Each structure stands twice: as C-alpha cells, then as structure tokens.
C-alpha atoms as a PDB file:
ATOM      1  CA  MET A   1     -10.632  -6.704  16.782  1.00  0.00           C
ATOM      2  CA  GLN A   2     -12.230  -4.889  14.459  1.00  0.00           C
ATOM      3  CA  THR A   3     -10.871  -4.047  10.739  1.00  0.00           C
ATOM      4  CA  PRO A   4     -11.516  -0.800   9.598  1.00  0.00           C
ATOM      5  CA  PHE A   5     -10.455  -0.456   5.878  1.00  0.00           C
ATOM      6  CA  HIS A   6     -12.489  -0.593   2.723  1.00  0.00           C
ATOM      7  CA  GLY A   7     -12.543   0.859  -0.186  1.00  0.00           C
ATOM      8  CA  ILE A   8      -9.554   2.867  -1.811  1.00  0.00           C
ATOM      9  CA  ILE A   9      -6.449   2.841   0.244  1.00  0.00           C
ATOM     10  CA  ALA A  10      -3.948   5.182  -0.644  1.00  0.00           C
ATOM     11  CA  TYR A  11      -0.638   5.081  -0.929  1.00  0.00           C
ATOM     12  CA  PRO A  12       1.351   8.270  -0.592  1.00  0.00           C
ATOM     13  CA  VAL A  13       4.892   8.978  -1.649  1.00  0.00           C
ATOM     14  CA  THR A  14       7.648  10.139   0.413  1.00  0.00           C
ATOM     15  CA  PRO A  15       9.063  13.146  -0.707  1.00  0.00           C
ATOM     16  CA  PHE A  16      12.381  14.383  -0.530  1.00  0.00           C
ATOM     17  CA  THR A  17      13.928  18.157  -0.361  1.00  0.00           C
ATOM     18  CA  ALA A  18      16.603  18.951  -3.325  1.00  0.00           C
ATOM     19  CA  ASP A  19      19.265  18.290  -0.522  1.00  0.00           C
ATOM     20  CA  GLY A  20      17.778  14.527  -0.043  1.00  0.00           C
ATOM     21  CA  GLY A  21      15.929  14.655   3.343  1.00  0.00           C
ATOM     22  CA  ALA A  22      12.014  14.155   3.956  1.00  0.00           C
ATOM     23  CA  ASP A  23      10.546  16.825   3.181  1.00  0.00           C
ATOM     24  CA  LEU A  24       7.854  16.787   5.884  1.00  0.00           C
ATOM     25  CA  PRO A  25       5.596  19.990   5.367  1.00  0.00           C
ATOM     26  CA  ARG A  26       5.194  18.654   1.511  1.00  0.00           C
ATOM     27  CA  LEU A  27       4.406  15.180   2.705  1.00  0.00           C
ATOM     28  CA  ARG A  28       1.169  16.866   4.778  1.00  0.00           C
ATOM     29  CA  GLN A  29      -0.021  18.343   1.677  1.00  0.00           C
ATOM     30  CA  LEU A  30       0.399  15.451  -0.327  1.00  0.00           C
ATOM     31  CA  ILE A  31      -1.842  13.700   2.370  1.00  0.00           C
ATOM     32  CA  ASP A  32      -3.914  16.515   2.510  1.00  0.00           C
ATOM     33  CA  ARG A  33      -4.848  15.893  -1.109  1.00  0.00           C
ATOM     34  CA  LEU A  34      -5.581  12.448  -0.754  1.00  0.00           C
ATOM     35  CA  ILE A  35      -8.084  13.023   1.952  1.00  0.00           C
ATOM     36  CA  ALA A  36      -9.871  15.746   0.030  1.00  0.00           C
ATOM     37  CA  ASP A  37     -10.086  13.566  -3.373  1.00  0.00           C
ATOM     38  CA  GLY A  38     -11.943  11.109  -1.237  1.00  0.00           C
ATOM     39  CA  VAL A  39      -9.767   8.200  -0.516  1.00  0.00           C
ATOM     40  CA  HIS A  40     -11.240   5.931   2.497  1.00  0.00           C
ATOM     41  CA  SER A  41      -7.643   5.213   4.301  1.00  0.00           C
ATOM     42  CA  ILE A  42      -4.100   6.351   3.588  1.00  0.00           C
ATOM     43  CA  ALA A  43      -1.275   3.867   3.911  1.00  0.00           C
ATOM     44  CA  PRO A  44       1.878   5.657   4.963  1.00  0.00           C
ATOM     45  CA  LEU A  45       5.611   4.385   4.126  1.00  0.00           C
ATOM     46  CA  GLY A  46       4.588   1.119   2.099  1.00  0.00           C
ATOM     47  CA  SER A  47       6.754   0.608  -1.006  1.00  0.00           C
ATOM     48  CA  THR A  48       5.051   3.556  -2.450  1.00  0.00           C
ATOM     49  CA  GLY A  49       6.690   5.531   0.190  1.00  0.00           C
ATOM     50  CA  GLU A  50      10.342   4.383  -0.100  1.00  0.00           C
ATOM     51  CA  SER A  51      10.136   2.864   3.905  1.00  0.00           C
ATOM     52  CA  ALA A  52      13.162   0.442   2.744  1.00  0.00           C
ATOM     53  CA  TYR A  53      15.673   3.472   2.113  1.00  0.00           C
ATOM     54  CA  LEU A  54      14.854   5.261   4.795  1.00  0.00           C
ATOM     55  CA  GLN A  55      17.157   5.725   8.041  1.00  0.00           C
ATOM     56  CA  ASP A  56      15.275   4.693  11.098  1.00  0.00           C
ATOM     57  CA  GLY A  57      15.222   8.158  12.281  1.00  0.00           C
ATOM     58  CA  GLU A  58      13.773   9.387   9.040  1.00  0.00           C
ATOM     59  CA  TRP A  59      11.369   6.506   9.339  1.00  0.00           C
ATOM     60  CA  ASP A  60      10.266   7.711  12.317  1.00  0.00           C
ATOM     61  CA  ALA A  61       9.785  10.921  11.469  1.00  0.00           C
ATOM     62  CA  VAL A  62       7.855  10.126   8.276  1.00  0.00           C
ATOM     63  CA  ALA A  63       5.538   8.554  10.392  1.00  0.00           C
ATOM     64  CA  SER A  64       4.826  10.711  13.206  1.00  0.00           C
ATOM     65  CA  ALA A  65       4.236  13.484  10.345  1.00  0.00           C
ATOM     66  CA  SER A  66       2.007  11.158   7.979  1.00  0.00           C
ATOM     67  CA  LEU A  67       0.137  10.534  11.102  1.00  0.00           C
ATOM     68  CA  ALA A  68       0.018  13.715  12.510  1.00  0.00           C
ATOM     69  CA  ALA A  69      -1.345  14.785   8.577  1.00  0.00           C
ATOM     70  CA  VAL A  70      -4.017  12.650   8.431  1.00  0.00           C
ATOM     71  CA  ALA A  71      -5.456  13.873  12.031  1.00  0.00           C
ATOM     72  CA  ARG A  72      -7.780  10.630  12.077  1.00  0.00           C
ATOM     73  CA  ARG A  73     -10.142  11.828   9.326  1.00  0.00           C
ATOM     74  CA  VAL A  74      -9.312   8.274   7.897  1.00  0.00           C
ATOM     75  CA  PRO A  75      -8.324   5.053   9.123  1.00  0.00           C
ATOM     76  CA  THR A  76      -4.248   4.672   8.520  1.00  0.00           C
ATOM     77  CA  VAL A  77      -2.499   1.640   8.369  1.00  0.00           C
ATOM     78  CA  VAL A  78       1.900   2.235   8.125  1.00  0.00           C
ATOM     79  CA  GLY A  79       4.530  -0.191   6.227  1.00  0.00           C
ATOM     80  CA  ILE A  80       6.406  -1.042   9.353  1.00  0.00           C
ATOM     81  CA  SER A  81       8.493  -3.683   8.039  1.00  0.00           C
ATOM     82  CA  ASP A  82      12.070  -4.482   8.565  1.00  0.00           C
ATOM     83  CA  LEU A  83      15.230  -7.432   7.655  1.00  0.00           C
ATOM     84  CA  THR A  84      14.785  -8.112  11.447  1.00  0.00           C
ATOM     85  CA  THR A  85      12.177  -9.130  14.023  1.00  0.00           C
ATOM     86  CA  ALA A  86      13.269  -6.016  16.435  1.00  0.00           C
ATOM     87  CA  GLY A  87      13.494  -3.714  13.613  1.00  0.00           C
ATOM     88  CA  ALA A  88       9.967  -4.399  12.760  1.00  0.00           C
ATOM     89  CA  MET A  89       8.649  -4.560  16.719  1.00  0.00           C
ATOM     90  CA  ARG A  90      10.536  -1.313  17.321  1.00  0.00           C
ATOM     91  CA  ARG A  91       8.762   0.189  13.943  1.00  0.00           C
ATOM     92  CA  ALA A  92       5.279  -1.280  14.935  1.00  0.00           C
ATOM     93  CA  ARG A  93       5.532   0.337  18.580  1.00  0.00           C
ATOM     94  CA  HIS A  94       6.115   3.757  17.279  1.00  0.00           C
ATOM     95  CA  ALA A  95       3.701   3.376  14.751  1.00  0.00           C
ATOM     96  CA  GLU A  96       0.902   3.100  17.723  1.00  0.00           C
ATOM     97  CA  LYS A  97       2.045   5.379  19.997  1.00  0.00           C
ATOM     98  CA  GLU A  98       1.919   8.236  16.872  1.00  0.00           C
ATOM     99  CA  GLY A  99      -1.760   6.943  16.337  1.00  0.00           C
ATOM    100  CA  ALA A 100      -2.127   4.119  13.772  1.00  0.00           C
ATOM    101  CA  ASP A 101      -4.963   2.352  13.483  1.00  0.00           C
ATOM    102  CA  ALA A 102      -3.173  -1.015  12.327  1.00  0.00           C
ATOM    103  CA  VAL A 103       0.492  -1.331  11.149  1.00  0.00           C
ATOM    104  CA  MET A 104       1.430  -3.958   7.397  1.00  0.00           C
ATOM    105  CA  VAL A 105       3.584  -6.379   7.710  1.00  0.00           C
ATOM    106  CA  LEU A 106       5.686  -7.894   4.857  1.00  0.00           C
ATOM    107  CA  PRO A 107       8.243 -10.369   6.127  1.00  0.00           C
ATOM    108  CA  VAL A 108      11.354  -9.190   3.976  1.00  0.00           C
ATOM    109  CA  SER A 109      14.595 -11.361   4.902  1.00  0.00           C
ATOM    110  CA  TYR A 110      18.122 -11.746   3.129  1.00  0.00           C
ATOM    111  CA  TRP A 111      18.447 -15.575   3.873  1.00  0.00           C
ATOM    112  CA  LYS A 112      15.168 -17.915   3.145  1.00  0.00           C
ATOM    113  CA  LEU A 113      13.138 -18.091   5.678  1.00  0.00           C
ATOM    114  CA  SER A 114      10.689 -21.185   6.620  1.00  0.00           C
ATOM    115  CA  GLU A 115       7.441 -21.157   7.300  1.00  0.00           C
ATOM    116  CA  GLU A 116       8.434 -21.307  11.419  1.00  0.00           C
ATOM    117  CA  GLU A 117      10.520 -18.479  11.454  1.00  0.00           C
ATOM    118  CA  ILE A 118       7.865 -16.529   8.951  1.00  0.00           C
ATOM    119  CA  VAL A 119       5.106 -17.486  11.800  1.00  0.00           C
ATOM    120  CA  ARG A 120       7.544 -16.654  14.679  1.00  0.00           C
ATOM    121  CA  HIS A 121       8.498 -13.163  12.932  1.00  0.00           C
ATOM    122  CA  VAL A 122       4.629 -11.860  12.913  1.00  0.00           C
ATOM    123  CA  ALA A 123       3.915 -13.229  16.072  1.00  0.00           C
ATOM    124  CA  ARG A 124       6.429 -11.202  17.835  1.00  0.00           C
ATOM    125  CA  ILE A 125       5.134  -8.098  15.931  1.00  0.00           C
ATOM    126  CA  GLY A 126       1.431  -9.268  17.165  1.00  0.00           C
ATOM    127  CA  ASP A 127       3.076  -9.934  20.563  1.00  0.00           C
ATOM    128  CA  ALA A 128       4.414  -5.952  20.445  1.00  0.00           C
ATOM    129  CA  VAL A 129       1.655  -3.882  19.856  1.00  0.00           C
ATOM    130  CA  GLY A 130      -2.168  -4.025  20.289  1.00  0.00           C
ATOM    131  CA  ILE A 131      -3.449  -2.352  17.277  1.00  0.00           C
ATOM    132  CA  PRO A 132      -4.645  -4.923  13.953  1.00  0.00           C
ATOM    133  CA  ILE A 133      -1.605  -6.220  11.724  1.00  0.00           C
ATOM    134  CA  MET A 134      -2.145  -6.441   7.929  1.00  0.00           C
ATOM    135  CA  LEU A 135       0.012  -9.290   6.440  1.00  0.00           C
ATOM    136  CA  TYR A 136       0.899  -8.446   3.472  1.00  0.00           C
ATOM    137  CA  ASN A 137       2.212 -11.137   0.824  1.00  0.00           C
ATOM    138  CA  ASN A 138       4.381  -9.450  -2.405  1.00  0.00           C
ATOM    139  CA  PRO A 139       6.830 -11.748  -3.342  1.00  0.00           C
ATOM    140  CA  ALA A 140       8.386  -9.743  -6.027  1.00  0.00           C
ATOM    141  CA  THR A 141       9.460  -7.076  -3.378  1.00  0.00           C
ATOM    142  CA  SER A 142      10.052  -9.318  -0.529  1.00  0.00           C
ATOM    143  CA  GLY A 143      11.422 -12.208  -2.159  1.00  0.00           C
ATOM    144  CA  ILE A 144       9.166 -14.220   0.334  1.00  0.00           C
ATOM    145  CA  ASP A 145       6.587 -15.820  -1.093  1.00  0.00           C
ATOM    146  CA  MET A 146       3.483 -16.833   1.608  1.00  0.00           C
ATOM    147  CA  SER A 147       1.016 -19.761   0.414  1.00  0.00           C
ATOM    148  CA  PRO A 148      -2.698 -19.184   0.967  1.00  0.00           C
ATOM    149  CA  GLU A 149      -2.138 -21.909   3.637  1.00  0.00           C
ATOM    150  CA  LEU A 150       0.523 -20.459   5.642  1.00  0.00           C
ATOM    151  CA  ILE A 151      -1.311 -17.185   5.693  1.00  0.00           C
ATOM    152  CA  VAL A 152      -4.392 -18.580   7.115  1.00  0.00           C
ATOM    153  CA  ARG A 153      -2.351 -20.460   9.992  1.00  0.00           C
ATOM    154  CA  ILE A 154      -0.783 -17.135  10.727  1.00  0.00           C
ATOM    155  CA  TRP A 155      -4.194 -15.563  10.873  1.00  0.00           C
ATOM    156  CA  ARG A 156      -5.413 -17.832  12.786  1.00  0.00           C
ATOM    157  CA  ALA A 157      -2.287 -18.123  15.404  1.00  0.00           C
ATOM    158  CA  VAL A 158      -1.727 -14.184  15.604  1.00  0.00           C
ATOM    159  CA  PRO A 159      -4.957 -12.721  17.315  1.00  0.00           C
ATOM    160  CA  ASN A 160      -4.306  -8.974  15.857  1.00  0.00           C
ATOM    161  CA  VAL A 161      -3.773 -10.467  12.432  1.00  0.00           C
ATOM    162  CA  THR A 162      -6.918  -9.204  10.815  1.00  0.00           C
ATOM    163  CA  MET A 163      -6.697  -8.959   7.222  1.00  0.00           C
ATOM    164  CA  VAL A 164      -4.526  -9.660   4.485  1.00  0.00           C
ATOM    165  CA  LYS A 165      -3.306  -7.698   1.320  1.00  0.00           C
ATOM    166  CA  GLU A 166      -2.680  -9.976  -1.744  1.00  0.00           C
ATOM    167  CA  SER A 167      -0.217  -8.571  -4.381  1.00  0.00           C
ATOM    168  CA  THR A 168       1.145 -11.578  -6.466  1.00  0.00           C
ATOM    169  CA  GLY A 169      -1.511 -11.051  -9.141  1.00  0.00           C
ATOM    170  CA  ASP A 170      -3.139 -14.135  -9.048  1.00  0.00           C
ATOM    171  CA  ILE A 171      -6.621 -14.057  -8.413  1.00  0.00           C
ATOM    172  CA  GLN A 172      -7.097 -17.880  -7.549  1.00  0.00           C
ATOM    173  CA  ARG A 173      -5.013 -16.879  -4.631  1.00  0.00           C
ATOM    174  CA  MET A 174      -7.606 -15.043  -3.308  1.00  0.00           C
ATOM    175  CA  HIS A 175     -10.106 -17.588  -4.223  1.00  0.00           C
ATOM    176  CA  ARG A 176      -8.191 -20.049  -1.969  1.00  0.00           C
ATOM    177  CA  LEU A 177      -8.116 -17.729   1.035  1.00  0.00           C
ATOM    178  CA  ALA A 178     -11.209 -17.314   1.036  1.00  0.00           C
ATOM    179  CA  GLN A 179     -12.322 -20.747   1.083  1.00  0.00           C
ATOM    180  CA  LEU A 180      -9.362 -21.837   3.710  1.00  0.00           C
ATOM    181  CA  SER A 181     -11.074 -19.314   5.840  1.00  0.00           C
ATOM    182  CA  GLY A 182     -14.202 -19.791   5.450  1.00  0.00           C
ATOM    183  CA  GLY A 183     -14.870 -16.435   3.709  1.00  0.00           C
ATOM    184  CA  GLU A 184     -13.852 -14.702   7.310  1.00  0.00           C
ATOM    185  CA  LEU A 185     -10.465 -13.724   6.339  1.00  0.00           C
ATOM    186  CA  PRO A 186     -11.011  -9.874   5.056  1.00  0.00           C
ATOM    187  CA  LEU A 187      -9.178  -9.529   1.907  1.00  0.00           C
ATOM    188  CA  TYR A 188      -7.261  -6.600  -0.120  1.00  0.00           C
ATOM    189  CA  ASN A 189      -6.111  -6.478  -3.308  1.00  0.00           C
ATOM    190  CA  GLY A 190      -2.541  -4.980  -3.897  1.00  0.00           C
ATOM    191  CA  SER A 191      -2.005  -5.756  -7.299  1.00  0.00           C
ATOM    192  CA  ASN A 192      -3.289  -2.577  -9.703  1.00  0.00           C
ATOM    193  CA  THR A 193      -3.811  -4.273 -12.612  1.00  0.00           C
ATOM    194  CA  LEU A 194      -6.293  -7.339 -10.811  1.00  0.00           C
ATOM    195  CA  ALA A 195      -8.198  -4.618  -8.980  1.00  0.00           C
ATOM    196  CA  PHE A 196     -11.311  -4.627 -10.786  1.00  0.00           C
ATOM    197  CA  ALA A 197     -11.236  -8.877 -10.547  1.00  0.00           C
ATOM    198  CA  ALA A 198     -10.470  -8.965  -6.863  1.00  0.00           C
ATOM    199  CA  LEU A 199     -12.840  -5.752  -6.083  1.00  0.00           C
ATOM    200  CA  ALA A 200     -15.490  -8.259  -7.919  1.00  0.00           C
ATOM    201  CA  ALA A 201     -14.564 -11.203  -6.138  1.00  0.00           C
ATOM    202  CA  GLY A 202     -15.110  -9.595  -2.822  1.00  0.00           C
ATOM    203  CA  ALA A 203     -11.738  -8.095  -1.896  1.00  0.00           C
ATOM    204  CA  ARG A 204     -12.757  -5.074   0.691  1.00  0.00           C
ATOM    205  CA  GLY A 205     -10.793  -2.807  -0.887  1.00  0.00           C
ATOM    206  CA  TRP A 206      -7.268  -1.974  -3.039  1.00  0.00           C
ATOM    207  CA  CYS A 207      -4.194  -0.680  -1.563  1.00  0.00           C
ATOM    208  CA  THR A 208      -3.081   1.370  -4.366  1.00  0.00           C
ATOM    209  CA  ALA A 209      -0.618   4.423  -4.965  1.00  0.00           C
ATOM    210  CA  ALA A 210      -2.757   5.632  -8.026  1.00  0.00           C
ATOM    211  CA  PRO A 211      -4.727   7.989  -6.387  1.00  0.00           C
ATOM    212  CA  ASN A 212      -1.445  10.129  -5.989  1.00  0.00           C
ATOM    213  CA  LEU A 213      -2.051  10.809  -9.588  1.00  0.00           C
ATOM    214  CA  HIS A 214      -5.933  10.538 -10.434  1.00  0.00           C
ATOM    215  CA  ALA A 215      -8.027   9.438  -7.190  1.00  0.00           C
ATOM    216  CA  GLY A 216     -11.252   9.974  -9.064  1.00  0.00           C
ATOM    217  CA  LEU A 217     -11.042   7.044 -11.266  1.00  0.00           C
ATOM    218  CA  PRO A 218     -10.366   4.424  -8.439  1.00  0.00           C
ATOM    219  CA  LEU A 219     -12.926   5.718  -6.260  1.00  0.00           C
ATOM    220  CA  ALA A 220     -15.366   5.360  -8.943  1.00  0.00           C
ATOM    221  CA  LEU A 221     -14.735   1.949  -9.812  1.00  0.00           C
ATOM    222  CA  TYR A 222     -15.024   0.704  -5.919  1.00  0.00           C
ATOM    223  CA  ALA A 223     -18.216   2.761  -5.987  1.00  0.00           C
ATOM    224  CA  ALA A 224     -19.670   0.796  -9.133  1.00  0.00           C
ATOM    225  CA  VAL A 225     -18.488  -2.368  -8.008  1.00  0.00           C
ATOM    226  CA  GLN A 226     -20.107  -1.712  -4.534  1.00  0.00           C
ATOM    227  CA  ALA A 227     -23.538  -0.788  -6.494  1.00  0.00           C
ATOM    228  CA  GLY A 228     -23.374  -4.238  -8.016  1.00  0.00           C
ATOM    229  CA  ASP A 229     -22.542  -2.349 -11.242  1.00  0.00           C
ATOM    230  CA  LEU A 230     -20.231  -4.632 -12.720  1.00  0.00           C
ATOM    231  CA  ALA A 231     -20.527  -3.241 -16.372  1.00  0.00           C
ATOM    232  CA  ARG A 232     -19.760  -0.215 -15.299  1.00  0.00           C
ATOM    233  CA  ALA A 233     -17.058  -0.703 -13.105  1.00  0.00           C
ATOM    234  CA  ARG A 234     -15.187  -2.709 -15.272  1.00  0.00           C
ATOM    235  CA  GLU A 235     -15.593   0.147 -18.593  1.00  0.00           C
ATOM    236  CA  LEU A 236     -13.856   2.591 -15.358  1.00  0.00           C
ATOM    237  CA  PHE A 237     -11.214  -0.247 -15.024  1.00  0.00           C
ATOM    238  CA  PHE A 238     -10.105  -0.140 -18.781  1.00  0.00           C
ATOM    239  CA  ARG A 239     -10.142   3.384 -18.378  1.00  0.00           C
ATOM    240  CA  GLN A 240      -7.392   3.680 -16.036  1.00  0.00           C
ATOM    241  CA  LEU A 241      -5.655   0.844 -16.529  1.00  0.00           C
ATOM    242  CA  PRO A 242      -2.959   2.486 -19.083  1.00  0.00           C
ATOM    243  CA  LEU A 243      -2.200   4.186 -15.775  1.00  0.00           C
ATOM    244  CA  LEU A 244      -2.288   1.177 -13.478  1.00  0.00           C
ATOM    245  CA  GLN A 245       0.016  -0.074 -16.283  1.00  0.00           C
ATOM    246  CA  CYS A 246       2.887   2.556 -16.512  1.00  0.00           C
ATOM    247  CA  LEU A 247       2.786   2.470 -12.238  1.00  0.00           C
ATOM    248  CA  MET A 248       3.822  -1.309 -12.626  1.00  0.00           C
ATOM    249  CA  LYS A 249       6.146  -0.896 -15.677  1.00  0.00           C
ATOM    250  CA  GLY A 250       7.841   2.237 -14.408  1.00  0.00           C
ATOM    251  CA  GLY A 251       7.816   0.827 -10.752  1.00  0.00           C
ATOM    252  CA  LEU A 252       5.887   3.262  -8.147  1.00  0.00           C
ATOM    253  CA  PRO A 253       8.182   5.838  -6.344  1.00  0.00           C
ATOM    254  CA  PRO A 254       9.526   6.875  -9.950  1.00  0.00           C
ATOM    255  CA  THR A 255       6.586   6.546 -11.762  1.00  0.00           C
ATOM    256  CA  VAL A 256       4.269   8.726  -9.170  1.00  0.00           C
ATOM    257  CA  LYS A 257       6.984  11.187  -8.493  1.00  0.00           C
ATOM    258  CA  ALA A 258       7.564  11.583 -12.408  1.00  0.00           C
ATOM    259  CA  GLY A 259       3.557  11.904 -12.529  1.00  0.00           C
ATOM    260  CA  LEU A 260       3.473  14.953  -9.607  1.00  0.00           C
ATOM    261  CA  ALA A 261       5.825  16.804 -11.316  1.00  0.00           C
ATOM    262  CA  LEU A 262       3.989  16.590 -14.789  1.00  0.00           C
ATOM    263  CA  GLN A 263       1.107  17.868 -12.352  1.00  0.00           C
ATOM    264  CA  GLY A 264       3.036  20.642 -11.070  1.00  0.00           C
ATOM    265  CA  VAL A 265       3.509  19.119  -7.805  1.00  0.00           C
ATOM    266  CA  ASP A 266       7.499  19.084  -6.907  1.00  0.00           C
ATOM    267  CA  VAL A 267       8.124  15.952  -4.581  1.00  0.00           C
ATOM    268  CA  GLY A 268      12.071  15.218  -5.045  1.00  0.00           C
ATOM    269  CA  THR A 269      13.385  12.300  -6.917  1.00  0.00           C
ATOM    270  CA  PRO A 270      13.555   8.885  -5.805  1.00  0.00           C
ATOM    271  CA  ARG A 271      16.214   7.850  -3.167  1.00  0.00           C
ATOM    272  CA  ALA A 272      19.265   5.827  -4.597  1.00  0.00           C
ATOM    273  CA  PRO A 273      19.509   3.272  -6.028  1.00  0.00           C
ATOM    274  CA  LEU A 274      15.991   3.907  -7.402  1.00  0.00           C
ATOM    275  CA  GLN A 275      16.218   6.483 -10.488  1.00  0.00           C
ATOM    276  CA  PRO A 276      13.795   8.749 -11.583  1.00  0.00           C
ATOM    277  CA  LEU A 277      11.487   8.208 -14.467  1.00  0.00           C
ATOM    278  CA  GLY A 278      13.273   7.983 -18.193  1.00  0.00           C
ATOM    279  CA  GLU A 279      12.291  10.525 -20.700  1.00  0.00           C
ATOM    280  CA  ALA A 280      10.430   7.960 -22.664  1.00  0.00           C
ATOM    281  CA  ALA A 281       8.469   6.544 -19.800  1.00  0.00           C
ATOM    282  CA  THR A 282       7.408  10.130 -18.612  1.00  0.00           C
ATOM    283  CA  ARG A 283       6.549  10.808 -22.191  1.00  0.00           C
ATOM    284  CA  GLU A 284       4.348   8.094 -21.738  1.00  0.00           C
ATOM    285  CA  LEU A 285       2.828   8.640 -18.457  1.00  0.00           C
ATOM    286  CA  ALA A 286       2.033  12.579 -19.545  1.00  0.00           C
ATOM    287  CA  ALA A 287      -0.302  11.317 -22.674  1.00  0.00           C
ATOM    288  CA  VAL A 288      -1.587   8.618 -20.455  1.00  0.00           C
ATOM    289  CA  LEU A 289      -2.470  11.502 -17.631  1.00  0.00           C
ATOM    290  CA  ALA A 290      -3.675  14.017 -20.753  1.00  0.00           C
ATOM    291  CA  GLY A 291      -6.151  11.121 -22.118  1.00  0.00           C
ATOM    292  CA  LEU A 292      -7.385  10.690 -18.369  1.00  0.00           C
ATOM    293  CA  GLY A 293      -8.240  14.151 -17.878  1.00  0.00           C
ATOM    294  CA  ALA A 294      -9.289  16.129 -14.436  1.00  0.00           C
END
C-alpha cells in the first residue's frame, strides 16, 4: 500500500461563524490558500482543526467540505481520532467514503490503555477501511505515549498502517524507529521546533499548522533539506523559529486564529473551553509575523 505523502503537510483550522457554527465557505477559502501557496498535502481535523471539540454531525460536515475543497489537487490525511473505537471507525469510514487518501489515528483514552488495547484499537480501524493509516504519537494531547517498539509492532501487525507521525519532540525516537524498522517505516515530524533536525535526519515530511500563517518558510526549509543544503536549511529554520515557538506556547487553534485575524482573515474564535489568544501574546505574534514579511 503506497504512502503518497512527503514535504509540508498543512493542518488548517476549522473556522467558526459568529454564532459558533462551522464556517464551511471560509474553510474552503483557507484550503484554497494553502494549496495555492504550494503545500504538499492537507490534513484536516487534527489538533489544529479542533477535531476534539466538534460534534459528530459537525465533524462529518467539516471532513466532507475539506475533501471537496481539496478536490484531489494534493493528497489528504484526515484525523479521525475518537475516545471510542467505534467512533474512530465511523469517522474513518466517512473520510474514506468522501475521498481521503489516508486517515490519521491518535489513540486517546480517559482510562490508561494497555499495549494490547492500543494494538486492538488500531487494528479494528485498519479493518474498517482500505486506505492507509498514519499512526500518530502525541502524548501531550492524547495522554498515551507509544514507545518506538510498540509503534513498530503496530506497523508490522496492521497492514494499512504505513506511516508514523512522531510529535514528542525527541529526535532519538525517530532514530530508534528507523533502527527498529530497518529504515522502512516512513516517518513524519509533528514537533514544530524539531523541524530542521527531523527533516535532516530523514523524516519524509513535516506536519504543521505554520503554513496557515506563513507557508513560504516551511516550504523553503523542506526544499533546502531535499537539495542537501543543510546550512541554508538551518538558516531558514532559525528564521521561522520565533513563529514556531509562538505556536507551541500559545496553542495551535488560538495562535493560528489570532494570526489569521492579524492578516485580515476572520475565522472566528476557538471553541470553548479554548479561549482566544491573550493581548500580550497577540502583540508578540504580530511582531513575529511582521518580522517574517510576506
């Protein structure tokens, strides 16, 4: 099963209207903008897209609208995580039906899951769809930390788990995953401040919300690494590092939505319990964006 993803995989926010509903026309505009800017793939309904805060009907509508907006111009990977296996399976089937190229699975749970429960969860999702799965490890948001050994075990056990997004920010994990898989498991970086190190170490792509606010620098960083110009890549990374640090510090939905507002794009506010970015952080973000230029 092929894994068509490489380069900059962009995570759009989910815009909301003044009355709190999903703003699907604005979502289509955001996706058009990202594709016009040159990102290599679109990943709707991740953490940036506030997937965890959408009701099922809203989630379905955002997934369908996102995939219709992309219209197969670039590959798509849809985040389908849910507290229950049944819910994640339902979302995965919907994404596949609507034309997703892959789904992203982040195991999340209220109760601590055993390794056997995690393997079974992913395996059942794999049985539910015929498209590739990007297994996603992000203990900061999920409460579950999958070891490299467990990740490789799942990759070997579930045929359509064909790639892994690692977001712990620990480059040693990527090295260990490559070692355990004999270099055969495609790895994707999900930690913004690790972008240069991960790409230089062989990650096939960088999953990031940064292109919502500035696509040029992430794309240039990836191109420089691909060209073998690591000195140029390092320079590009440190140039955009202040923006990446703002994203990490302020949280993805509040920071991206505040940044888009600063750029004249109204996408509404994050959904409660998330709150808009504070005044001091917004001023800092404005200064950072001004320093980056167009």
